[in-house]
Amino acid sequence: MLDFQNVNIIRSELEIVSNVNWKVFSGENWVLLGSNGIGKSTLLNICWAHIFPTTGTAEILGNRLGKVDIFELRRKIGILGADLGVNILGSEVVFDVIRTAKCAMLGIWGDSRDDALFTAADNARADELLELFKIQHLKNRNWGVLSQGERKCVLMCRTLMPDPDLLLFDEPTAGLDLAARELVINILNKLALEDAVTKRGRAIILVNHNVEEIPPSFNKIAVMGARNTNPQVSCEQKQQPQTGTILFQGNIDKNLTSEKLTRAYGVDLNVQKLANLRYFASASVIISEGDYY
């Protein structure tokens, strides 16, 4: 599904990510963790052919970037990106925001109407997703009047609309209230379980900051950190901005550990796996009120 070999990204003479080697196979569900600014969203942008590596090679769904029609490739990829909603016109109706994912469009423009773009099956699929996320009441509202949490749920529907081969989620629970957050986690968990049972052959990649929000059925993890050959130097001691790379990757139980997260974040962290198969992480030393300055 993905094959990154020695991928480097350089912008304005600044190396953002360096020497990333990463393979994702069908049926795998990955979590991508790492501190702010370490390059997670940049890697995700490569995954849906939005940007190309400066050096190295990236293959997506068996196609090498630079040697494939990226517009056709993107039709097979569902993406919930941090900046996607910014490009949607405030006048667009929620139902159209969801349905146009099938055409790799962000809305309906000009004289194009439903009968020209969408089938009855498309409309039924969009209605099904609205019901899944419990936002049927938003169907005919304009995008511009939605709250941040409502927009996130609509974009989740849009991501799933074309039933893509590769699903990419960049912090899908950010800005959601507790109930909506748990709903999204449960839906992601259900997707991964259903794919395993049906052998759908899809891959899911979830970028997140909080280990508490990792769905229990996700089986792989990649932990990004600053590129540094000396493990004794913490992130706080490194000069900003930092160049990110994948420090650890593989089975989640073997790589989501206190020791590895401590090295990646440069903070002494304690990771626990709870009875409900969800994870919890906290700093080993709690700062008291008198320690703030």
Protein backbone atom coordinates (compact mmCIF):
# COMPACT_ATOMS: atom_id res chain seq x y z
CA MET A 1 0.00 0.00 0.00
CA LEU A 2 2.88 2.35 0.85
CA ASP A 3 6.60 1.99 0.31
CA PHE A 4 8.81 4.93 1.30
CA GLN A 5 12.52 4.53 0.66
CA ASN A 6 15.00 7.10 2.04
CA VAL A 7 12.40 9.86 1.82
CA ASN A 8 13.57 13.40 2.55
CA ILE A 9 11.57 16.63 2.45
CA ILE A 10 13.38 19.97 2.16
CA ARG A 11 11.58 23.32 2.10
CA SER A 12 13.37 26.68 1.83
CA GLU A 13 16.69 24.90 2.46
CA LEU A 14 15.28 23.45 5.70
CA GLU A 15 15.17 19.67 6.05
CA ILE A 16 11.76 18.79 7.52
CA VAL A 17 11.89 14.99 7.45
CA SER A 18 14.91 12.84 6.81
CA ASN A 19 15.65 9.27 5.79
CA VAL A 20 12.15 7.86 6.26
CA ASN A 21 11.84 4.19 5.38
CA TRP A 22 8.32 2.88 5.88
CA LYS A 23 6.22 0.09 4.41
CA VAL A 24 2.49 -0.33 4.93
CA PHE A 25 0.75 -3.49 3.76
CA SER A 26 -2.91 -4.19 3.08
CA GLY A 27 -4.90 -5.09 6.18
CA GLU A 28 -2.66 -3.02 8.47
CA ASN A 29 -3.98 -0.20 10.63
CA TRP A 30 -1.26 2.27 11.63
CA VAL A 31 -0.97 5.01 14.20
CA LEU A 32 1.61 7.74 13.53
CA LEU A 33 2.77 9.46 16.74
CA GLY A 34 5.27 12.21 17.42
CA SER A 35 5.69 15.68 18.87
CA ASN A 36 4.42 18.88 17.26
CA GLY A 37 6.37 19.95 14.18
CA ILE A 38 8.19 16.64 13.77
CA GLY A 39 6.78 15.91 10.29
CA LYS A 40 3.70 13.71 10.77
CA SER A 41 1.36 15.75 8.59
CA THR A 42 4.11 16.15 6.01
CA LEU A 43 4.36 12.37 5.68
CA LEU A 44 0.59 12.15 5.39
CA ASN A 45 0.69 14.70 2.58
CA ILE A 46 3.03 12.38 0.68
CA CYS A 47 0.67 9.46 1.34
CA TRP A 48 -2.11 11.08 -0.69
CA ALA A 49 0.20 12.47 -3.38
CA HIS A 50 -0.27 16.08 -2.29
CA ILE A 51 3.49 16.64 -2.14
CA PHE A 52 6.45 14.71 -3.53
CA PRO A 53 9.68 13.74 -1.73
CA THR A 54 12.63 16.04 -2.38
CA THR A 55 14.82 12.93 -2.53
CA GLY A 56 14.07 9.26 -2.15
CA THR A 57 11.12 7.33 -3.58
CA ALA A 58 7.49 6.98 -2.53
CA GLU A 59 5.17 4.31 -3.92
CA ILE A 60 1.45 4.55 -3.17
CA LEU A 61 -0.90 1.67 -4.01
CA GLY A 62 1.81 0.24 -6.24
CA ASN A 63 2.41 3.50 -8.12
CA ARG A 64 5.60 5.55 -7.84
CA LEU A 65 5.09 9.28 -7.39
CA GLY A 66 6.38 11.08 -10.47
CA LYS A 67 5.32 8.24 -12.77
CA VAL A 68 1.56 8.14 -12.22
CA ASP A 69 -1.51 10.29 -12.84
CA ILE A 70 -1.94 11.66 -9.33
CA PHE A 71 -5.54 12.70 -9.97
CA GLU A 72 -6.54 9.12 -10.73
CA LEU A 73 -4.49 7.88 -7.78
CA ARG A 74 -6.21 10.25 -5.35
CA ARG A 75 -9.61 8.76 -6.23
CA LYS A 76 -8.49 5.61 -4.40
CA ILE A 77 -7.45 7.49 -1.26
CA GLY A 78 -9.65 8.93 1.49
CA ILE A 79 -8.07 11.81 3.37
CA LEU A 80 -9.11 13.86 6.37
CA GLY A 81 -6.41 16.51 6.43
CA ALA A 82 -5.93 19.41 8.78
CA ASP A 83 -6.41 22.02 6.02
CA LEU A 84 -9.09 20.31 3.91
CA GLY A 85 -12.01 22.28 5.31
CA VAL A 86 -10.33 25.63 4.62
CA ASN A 87 -10.87 25.17 0.88
CA ILE A 88 -14.60 24.40 1.10
CA LEU A 89 -16.90 27.33 0.30
CA GLY A 90 -19.13 28.41 3.16
CA SER A 91 -22.18 28.22 0.89
CA GLU A 92 -21.71 24.52 0.13
CA VAL A 93 -24.42 22.25 1.52
CA VAL A 94 -23.23 19.47 3.86
CA PHE A 95 -24.79 16.74 1.71
CA ASP A 96 -22.79 17.98 -1.30
CA VAL A 97 -19.57 18.30 0.73
CA ILE A 98 -19.87 14.58 1.47
CA ARG A 99 -21.03 13.35 -1.95
CA THR A 100 -18.41 15.22 -3.99
CA ALA A 101 -15.66 13.10 -2.42
CA LYS A 102 -16.66 10.48 -4.99
CA CYS A 103 -15.52 12.87 -7.75
CA ALA A 104 -12.45 14.12 -5.87
CA MET A 105 -14.09 17.57 -5.78
CA LEU A 106 -14.69 19.96 -2.88
CA GLY A 107 -18.16 21.05 -3.94
CA ILE A 108 -20.62 21.48 -6.78
CA TRP A 109 -19.86 24.42 -9.05
CA GLY A 110 -21.59 26.04 -12.01
CA ASP A 111 -24.65 24.30 -13.42
CA SER A 112 -23.64 20.78 -12.38
CA ARG A 113 -26.41 19.14 -10.34
CA ASP A 114 -27.04 15.83 -8.61
CA ASP A 115 -28.54 14.04 -11.61
CA ALA A 116 -25.33 14.62 -13.58
CA LEU A 117 -22.88 13.68 -10.83
CA PHE A 118 -24.52 11.24 -8.43
CA THR A 119 -26.45 8.00 -8.59
CA ALA A 120 -29.15 6.84 -6.21
CA ALA A 121 -26.50 4.59 -4.63
CA ASP A 122 -24.27 7.62 -4.03
CA ASN A 123 -27.09 9.47 -2.28
CA ALA A 124 -27.89 6.42 -0.16
CA ARG A 125 -24.22 6.08 0.82
CA ALA A 126 -24.06 9.71 1.95
CA ASP A 127 -27.26 9.31 3.98
CA GLU A 128 -25.87 6.16 5.58
CA LEU A 129 -22.71 8.00 6.66
CA LEU A 130 -24.69 10.92 8.08
CA GLU A 131 -26.63 8.43 10.18
CA LEU A 132 -23.45 6.59 11.23
CA PHE A 133 -22.00 9.81 12.68
CA LYS A 134 -25.39 10.89 14.07
CA ILE A 135 -25.43 14.17 12.13
CA GLN A 136 -28.48 13.65 9.89
CA HIS A 137 -29.79 17.02 11.12
CA LEU A 138 -26.86 18.77 9.37
CA LYS A 139 -27.66 17.37 5.91
CA ASN A 140 -29.08 20.57 4.38
CA ARG A 141 -27.06 23.12 6.34
CA ASN A 142 -24.37 25.29 4.80
CA TRP A 143 -20.76 24.47 5.58
CA GLY A 144 -20.08 28.01 6.76
CA VAL A 145 -22.44 27.82 9.77
CA LEU A 146 -21.05 24.59 11.23
CA SER A 147 -18.99 24.40 14.42
CA GLN A 148 -15.49 22.94 14.39
CA GLY A 149 -16.72 19.64 15.80
CA GLU A 150 -19.58 19.42 13.31
CA ARG A 151 -17.19 20.10 10.44
CA LYS A 152 -14.88 17.33 11.64
CA CYS A 153 -17.74 14.80 11.60
CA VAL A 154 -18.81 15.92 8.12
CA LEU A 155 -15.23 15.51 6.87
CA MET A 156 -15.12 12.04 8.40
CA CYS A 157 -18.20 11.18 6.32
CA ARG A 158 -16.54 12.67 3.25
CA THR A 159 -13.38 10.62 3.81
CA LEU A 160 -15.37 7.38 3.89
CA MET A 161 -17.75 8.27 1.03
CA PRO A 162 -15.83 6.63 -1.88
CA ASP A 163 -14.92 3.50 0.16
CA PRO A 164 -11.22 4.03 -0.67
CA ASP A 165 -8.35 1.54 -0.61
CA LEU A 166 -6.24 3.79 1.63
CA LEU A 167 -7.70 5.83 4.50
CA LEU A 168 -5.71 8.72 6.01
CA PHE A 169 -6.84 10.57 9.14
CA ASP A 170 -4.97 13.58 10.53
CA GLU A 171 -6.12 14.12 14.13
CA PRO A 172 -9.79 13.23 13.47
CA THR A 173 -10.78 13.75 17.11
CA ALA A 174 -9.29 17.25 17.52
CA GLY A 175 -11.96 19.75 18.54
CA LEU A 176 -14.59 17.12 19.33
CA ASP A 177 -16.48 16.87 22.60
CA LEU A 178 -16.14 13.69 24.67
CA ALA A 179 -19.17 11.92 23.17
CA ALA A 180 -18.21 12.75 19.58
CA ARG A 181 -14.60 11.73 20.25
CA GLU A 182 -15.65 8.31 21.51
CA LEU A 183 -18.01 7.89 18.56
CA VAL A 184 -15.19 8.55 16.09
CA ILE A 185 -12.83 6.16 17.92
CA ASN A 186 -15.51 3.45 17.90
CA ILE A 187 -16.16 3.95 14.17
CA LEU A 188 -12.44 3.70 13.36
CA ASN A 189 -12.22 0.59 15.51
CA LYS A 190 -15.23 -0.92 13.74
CA LEU A 191 -13.75 -0.16 10.31
CA ALA A 192 -10.52 -1.93 11.20
CA LEU A 193 -12.37 -4.96 12.59
CA GLU A 194 -14.69 -5.22 9.58
CA ASP A 195 -11.75 -4.96 7.18
CA ALA A 196 -10.05 -7.83 9.01
CA VAL A 197 -13.15 -10.04 8.87
CA THR A 198 -13.98 -9.30 5.23
CA LYS A 199 -10.31 -9.22 4.16
CA ARG A 200 -11.04 -5.88 2.50
CA GLY A 201 -7.36 -5.37 1.72
CA ARG A 202 -7.40 -1.74 2.84
CA ALA A 203 -4.90 0.14 4.99
CA ILE A 204 -5.71 2.85 7.54
CA ILE A 205 -3.26 5.45 8.85
CA LEU A 206 -4.17 7.59 11.83
CA VAL A 207 -2.08 10.61 12.89
CA ASN A 208 -2.75 11.47 16.51
CA HIS A 209 -1.21 13.08 19.57
CA ASN A 210 -3.03 11.19 22.31
CA VAL A 211 -2.42 7.49 22.87
CA GLU A 212 -5.76 7.38 24.72
CA GLU A 213 -7.49 7.86 21.37
CA ILE A 214 -5.91 4.89 19.58
CA PRO A 215 -8.65 2.41 18.56
CA PRO A 216 -8.06 -1.01 20.20
CA SER A 217 -8.01 -2.87 16.87
CA PHE A 218 -5.13 -0.84 15.39
CA ASN A 219 -2.12 -3.12 15.16
CA LYS A 220 0.85 -1.05 13.96
CA ILE A 221 2.60 2.12 15.08
CA ALA A 222 5.29 4.44 13.76
CA VAL A 223 6.85 6.81 16.30
CA MET A 224 8.52 9.92 14.90
CA GLY A 225 11.23 11.84 16.69
CA ALA A 226 14.14 14.14 16.00
CA ARG A 227 16.88 12.68 13.84
CA ASN A 228 19.73 12.27 16.26
CA THR A 229 22.34 9.56 16.63
CA ASN A 230 22.83 10.19 20.34
CA PRO A 231 19.85 8.76 22.30
CA GLN A 232 21.00 10.57 25.46
CA VAL A 233 20.14 13.98 23.98
CA SER A 234 16.52 14.89 24.66
CA CYS A 235 14.22 16.79 22.33
CA GLU A 236 14.40 19.80 24.66
CA GLN A 237 18.17 19.96 24.17
CA LYS A 238 18.02 19.90 20.38
CA GLN A 239 18.06 23.07 18.37
CA GLN A 240 14.71 24.08 16.87
CA PRO A 241 13.31 23.46 14.34
CA GLN A 242 13.97 19.75 14.39
CA THR A 243 14.32 17.32 11.53
CA GLY A 244 12.00 14.37 12.02
CA THR A 245 12.34 10.72 11.13
CA ILE A 246 10.71 7.44 12.14
CA LEU A 247 12.55 6.17 15.20
CA PHE A 248 10.45 3.08 15.90
CA GLN A 249 7.89 1.14 13.90
CA GLY A 250 6.13 -2.20 13.93
CA ASN A 251 3.66 -4.01 16.16
CA ILE A 252 1.96 -1.62 18.52
CA ASP A 253 2.48 -3.68 21.69
CA LYS A 254 6.25 -3.78 21.14
CA ASN A 255 6.69 -0.14 20.14
CA LEU A 256 4.18 1.80 22.22
CA THR A 257 6.27 1.61 25.38
CA SER A 258 7.38 4.04 28.08
CA GLU A 259 11.02 3.72 27.03
CA LYS A 260 10.41 4.43 23.34
CA LEU A 261 8.00 7.32 23.84
CA THR A 262 10.39 8.84 26.38
CA ARG A 263 13.15 8.81 23.79
CA ALA A 264 10.90 10.21 21.05
CA TYR A 265 9.45 13.05 23.11
CA GLY A 266 12.40 13.81 25.36
CA VAL A 267 10.15 13.66 28.44
CA ASP A 268 10.01 10.87 31.02
CA LEU A 269 6.70 9.18 30.09
CA ASN A 270 4.80 6.26 31.56
CA VAL A 271 2.63 4.20 29.18
CA GLN A 272 -0.02 1.76 30.34
CA LYS A 273 -2.44 -0.53 28.53
CA LEU A 274 -5.85 -0.50 30.19
CA ALA A 275 -8.37 -3.29 30.60
CA ASN A 276 -10.46 -1.99 27.69
CA LEU A 277 -7.38 -2.37 25.44
CA ARG A 278 -6.94 1.40 25.21
CA TYR A 279 -3.64 3.03 26.15
CA PHE A 280 -2.86 5.78 28.63
CA ALA A 281 0.29 7.91 28.86
CA SER A 282 1.38 10.50 31.41
CA ALA A 283 4.53 12.21 32.61
CA SER A 284 6.25 10.21 35.32
CA VAL A 285 6.71 13.35 37.41
CA ILE A 286 3.65 15.53 37.99
CA ILE A 287 4.42 19.25 38.22
CA SER A 288 2.96 20.75 41.39
CA GLU A 289 1.33 24.17 41.53
CA GLY A 290 4.36 25.69 43.24
CA ASP A 291 6.69 24.52 40.44
CA TYR A 292 5.12 26.74 37.76
CA TYR A 293 7.11 29.78 36.72
